[in-house]
Protein backbone atom coordinates (compact mmCIF):
# COMPACT_ATOMS: atom_id res chain seq x y z
CA ALA A 1 33.20 -88.35 175.23
CA ASN A 2 31.32 -91.22 173.66
CA ASP A 3 34.36 -93.28 174.40
CA LEU A 4 34.58 -92.04 178.16
CA ILE A 5 30.92 -93.23 178.41
CA HIS A 6 31.60 -96.55 176.69
CA GLU A 7 34.81 -97.13 179.00
CA LYS A 8 32.68 -96.23 182.10
CA TRP A 9 30.03 -98.81 181.10
CA ILE A 10 32.41 -101.50 180.35
CA SER A 11 34.20 -100.75 183.54
CA ALA A 12 30.85 -101.14 185.61
CA GLN A 13 30.15 -104.48 183.77
CA ILE A 14 33.31 -105.83 184.70
CA LEU A 15 32.71 -104.93 188.38
CA VAL A 16 29.34 -106.90 188.12
CA THR A 17 30.83 -109.85 185.80
CA PRO A 18 34.63 -109.92 186.60
CA ASN A 19 35.14 -113.31 185.11
CA ASP A 20 33.52 -112.61 181.84
CA LYS A 21 36.30 -113.22 179.25
CA ASP A 22 34.57 -111.53 176.40
CA LEU A 23 34.02 -108.40 178.50
CA LEU A 24 37.78 -108.28 179.47
CA ASN A 25 38.93 -108.94 175.83
CA SER A 26 36.68 -106.04 174.64
CA TYR A 27 38.09 -103.60 177.45
CA VAL A 28 41.64 -104.36 176.62
CA ALA A 29 41.02 -104.02 172.94
CA ASN A 30 39.11 -100.86 173.07
CA PHE A 31 40.87 -99.03 175.70
CA TYR A 32 44.62 -99.95 175.37
CA THR A 33 46.11 -96.26 175.74
CA PRO A 34 48.87 -94.98 177.75
CA GLU A 35 46.42 -93.09 179.83
CA ASN A 36 44.66 -96.01 180.79
CA GLN A 37 47.38 -98.25 181.85
CA ALA A 38 46.56 -99.03 185.26
CA LYS A 39 42.97 -100.42 184.10
CA ILE A 40 44.52 -102.25 181.44
CA LYS A 41 46.91 -104.03 183.61
CA GLU A 42 43.90 -104.85 186.09
CA ALA A 43 41.96 -106.22 183.18
CA LEU A 44 44.87 -108.21 181.86
CA ILE A 45 45.37 -109.86 185.21
CA LYS A 46 41.77 -110.50 185.56
CA LEU A 47 41.72 -112.04 182.15
CA LEU A 48 44.64 -114.25 183.10
CA LYS A 49 42.81 -115.94 186.03
CA VAL A 50 39.81 -116.89 183.40
CA ASP A 51 41.52 -117.33 180.10
CA THR A 52 44.91 -119.20 180.34
CA SER A 53 45.46 -119.27 176.55
CA HIS A 54 48.65 -118.13 175.12
CA GLU A 55 46.91 -115.27 173.43
CA SER A 56 45.84 -113.62 176.42
CA TYR A 57 49.28 -114.21 178.13
CA LEU A 58 50.97 -112.47 174.96
CA LYS A 59 48.86 -109.65 175.74
CA TYR A 60 50.10 -109.35 179.23
CA ILE A 61 53.85 -109.54 178.07
CA ASP A 62 52.93 -107.16 175.35
CA PHE A 63 51.84 -104.75 178.23
CA LEU A 64 54.83 -105.22 180.42
CA LEU A 65 57.11 -104.82 177.56
CA GLY A 66 55.43 -101.64 176.64
CA TYR A 67 54.77 -99.88 179.76
CA GLU A 68 56.68 -101.66 182.82
CA PRO A 69 59.69 -103.15 181.26
CA GLN A 70 61.06 -103.11 184.70
CA ASN A 71 58.38 -105.61 185.83
CA ALA A 72 58.70 -107.62 182.69
CA ILE A 73 61.96 -109.26 183.48
CA PRO A 74 60.58 -111.52 186.43
CA GLU A 75 57.66 -112.43 184.28
CA LEU A 76 60.01 -113.29 181.14
CA ASP A 77 62.22 -115.46 183.48
CA LYS A 78 59.41 -117.94 183.79
CA ILE A 79 59.23 -118.49 179.89
CA ASP A 80 61.89 -120.09 177.93
CA PRO A 81 62.92 -118.79 174.42
CA SER A 82 60.83 -120.19 171.92
CA ALA A 83 59.47 -119.45 168.39
CA GLU A 84 55.99 -119.16 169.99
CA PHE A 85 57.12 -115.79 171.32
CA SER A 86 58.89 -114.84 168.30
CA GLU A 87 56.85 -111.49 167.55
CA TYR A 88 58.17 -110.28 170.98
CA ALA A 89 61.74 -111.97 170.80
CA THR A 90 63.38 -108.53 169.71
CA THR A 91 62.00 -106.55 172.41
CA ILE A 92 62.35 -109.20 175.03
CA ALA A 93 66.34 -109.63 173.85
CA TRP A 94 66.80 -105.72 174.08
CA THR A 95 64.95 -105.73 177.62
CA TYR A 96 67.49 -108.46 178.95
CA ALA A 97 70.49 -106.54 177.44
CA ASP A 98 69.28 -103.16 179.00
CA ASN A 99 69.64 -105.14 182.33
CA ASN A 100 72.77 -106.52 181.59
CA GLN A 101 71.54 -110.01 181.21
CA PHE A 102 73.46 -110.79 178.22
CA GLN A 103 72.96 -114.80 178.10
CA LYS A 104 69.26 -114.35 178.09
CA ALA A 105 69.47 -111.50 175.58
CA TYR A 106 71.57 -113.92 173.32
CA ASP A 107 69.07 -116.84 173.84
CA TRP A 108 66.04 -114.60 172.68
CA ALA A 109 67.90 -113.22 169.72
CA ALA A 110 67.95 -116.58 168.24
CA PHE A 111 64.20 -116.24 167.78
CA SER A 112 64.34 -112.71 166.09
CA SER A 113 65.25 -111.69 162.57
CA ASP A 114 65.75 -108.13 163.57
CA ILE A 115 68.82 -108.17 165.71
CA ASP A 116 72.01 -108.04 163.74
CA PHE A 117 74.98 -110.06 164.41
CA TYR A 118 77.04 -107.13 165.55
CA SER A 119 74.82 -106.66 168.65
CA LYS A 120 74.82 -110.42 169.30
CA MET A 121 78.72 -110.35 169.04
CA GLN A 122 78.73 -107.49 171.75
CA TRP A 123 76.66 -109.62 174.07
CA LEU A 124 78.97 -112.70 173.50
CA ILE A 125 82.01 -110.40 174.25
CA GLU A 126 80.14 -109.17 177.34
CA LEU A 127 79.98 -112.90 178.65
CA LYS A 128 83.69 -113.59 177.64
CA ASP A 129 82.08 -116.51 175.59
CA ASN A 130 85.14 -116.70 173.14
CA ASP A 131 84.46 -120.18 171.70
CA LYS A 132 80.93 -119.58 170.86
CA LEU A 133 81.85 -115.96 169.47
CA ILE A 134 84.62 -117.32 167.33
CA HIS A 135 82.21 -120.34 165.97
CA GLU A 136 79.49 -118.12 165.31
CA TYR A 137 81.59 -115.52 163.86
CA ASN A 138 83.15 -118.00 161.31
CA GLU A 139 79.51 -119.11 160.30
CA TYR A 140 78.29 -115.60 160.01
CA ILE A 141 81.44 -114.09 158.15
CA ALA A 142 81.37 -117.07 155.36
CA LYS A 143 78.05 -115.85 154.27
CA ASN A 144 78.66 -112.10 154.85
CA ARG A 145 82.24 -111.45 153.75
CA ASP A 146 81.99 -107.74 153.36
CA ASP A 147 80.60 -106.99 156.76
CA TYR A 148 83.50 -104.78 157.91
CA ARG A 149 82.05 -103.67 161.04
CA VAL A 150 81.90 -107.09 162.22
CA LYS A 151 85.33 -107.93 160.87
CA ALA A 152 87.00 -104.91 162.71
CA GLN A 153 85.29 -105.94 165.99
CA MET A 154 86.47 -109.43 165.74
CA SER A 155 89.91 -108.19 164.96
CA MET A 156 89.83 -106.39 168.45
CA VAL A 157 88.58 -109.43 170.15
CA TYR A 158 91.43 -111.31 168.92
CA HIS A 159 93.65 -108.66 169.85
CA ASP A 160 92.24 -108.82 173.60
CA MET A 161 92.74 -112.45 173.45
CA GLY A 162 96.46 -111.86 172.62
CA ASN A 163 95.93 -113.56 169.48
CA PHE A 164 97.96 -110.76 167.27
CA LYS A 165 98.38 -112.95 164.26
CA GLU A 166 94.52 -113.42 163.66
CA SER A 167 93.77 -109.88 164.76
CA TRP A 168 96.34 -108.67 162.26
CA ILE A 169 94.90 -110.98 159.47
CA LEU A 170 91.42 -109.72 159.81
CA ALA A 171 92.60 -105.91 160.07
CA SER A 172 94.52 -106.25 157.02
CA GLN A 173 90.96 -107.32 155.08
CA LEU A 174 89.60 -104.23 155.95
CA PRO A 175 89.19 -101.75 153.28
CA ASP A 176 91.71 -98.74 153.29
CA GLU A 177 89.02 -96.10 153.99
CA SER A 178 88.10 -97.89 157.21
CA ALA A 179 88.79 -95.95 160.32
CA ASP A 180 89.20 -99.12 162.14
CA LYS A 181 91.88 -100.62 159.84
CA GLU A 182 94.44 -97.93 160.86
CA ALA A 183 93.51 -97.79 164.47
CA ILE A 184 93.90 -101.42 164.84
CA GLN A 185 97.19 -101.61 162.96
CA LYS A 186 98.64 -99.13 164.95
CA MET A 187 97.75 -100.55 168.17
CA LEU A 188 98.88 -104.16 166.87
CA ASN A 189 102.17 -102.52 165.98
CA THR A 190 102.86 -101.12 169.41
CA ASP A 191 101.90 -104.58 170.79
CA VAL A 192 104.23 -106.64 168.53
CA ILE A 193 106.97 -104.31 169.27
CA ASP A 194 106.51 -104.41 173.00
CA GLU A 195 106.13 -108.39 172.71
CA GLU A 196 109.35 -108.70 170.70
CA ARG A 197 111.15 -106.36 173.35
CA ASP A 198 109.94 -108.72 176.25
CA VAL A 199 111.44 -111.54 174.43
């Protein structure tokens, strides 16, 4: 109940002095709850009018990503991927990916240490950016030789590009217990037979 009285009191103060930065910051810090979404958003928008600091802007981005991801995109479109937003880079990348904006997802992923290469591969595959995919894959696999999930995926990519030889080489490097290995080799056998038949 005390919280409720406190909230009402600060809300009343904000009505009287809507440009009081400390008051708005205090409101956001103390009453940031799902039930209070609408008022928090209002306070953040007021705050941004009187405080254009990066910190205040981050609070607003954090709110949008957490509560209104559909409204986050137009706001995120205004900012370039950079290290100063790195604490949100993972969420921003996935927000874009969920909206099928794979180039932006991929660009933001560069500033995240939590997005695995396999996910980035999927985005490059969606973008049909094979040159970049091959380049990134070669760099990644040189340091992560035992990432068989990524190898299997790349084998499929080469297959879809019609590069059966590369596809076969990668598939043959997969461990025998890999379910992908058998599936890919079976598929390649069929393709190679078809190809020879067409010659």
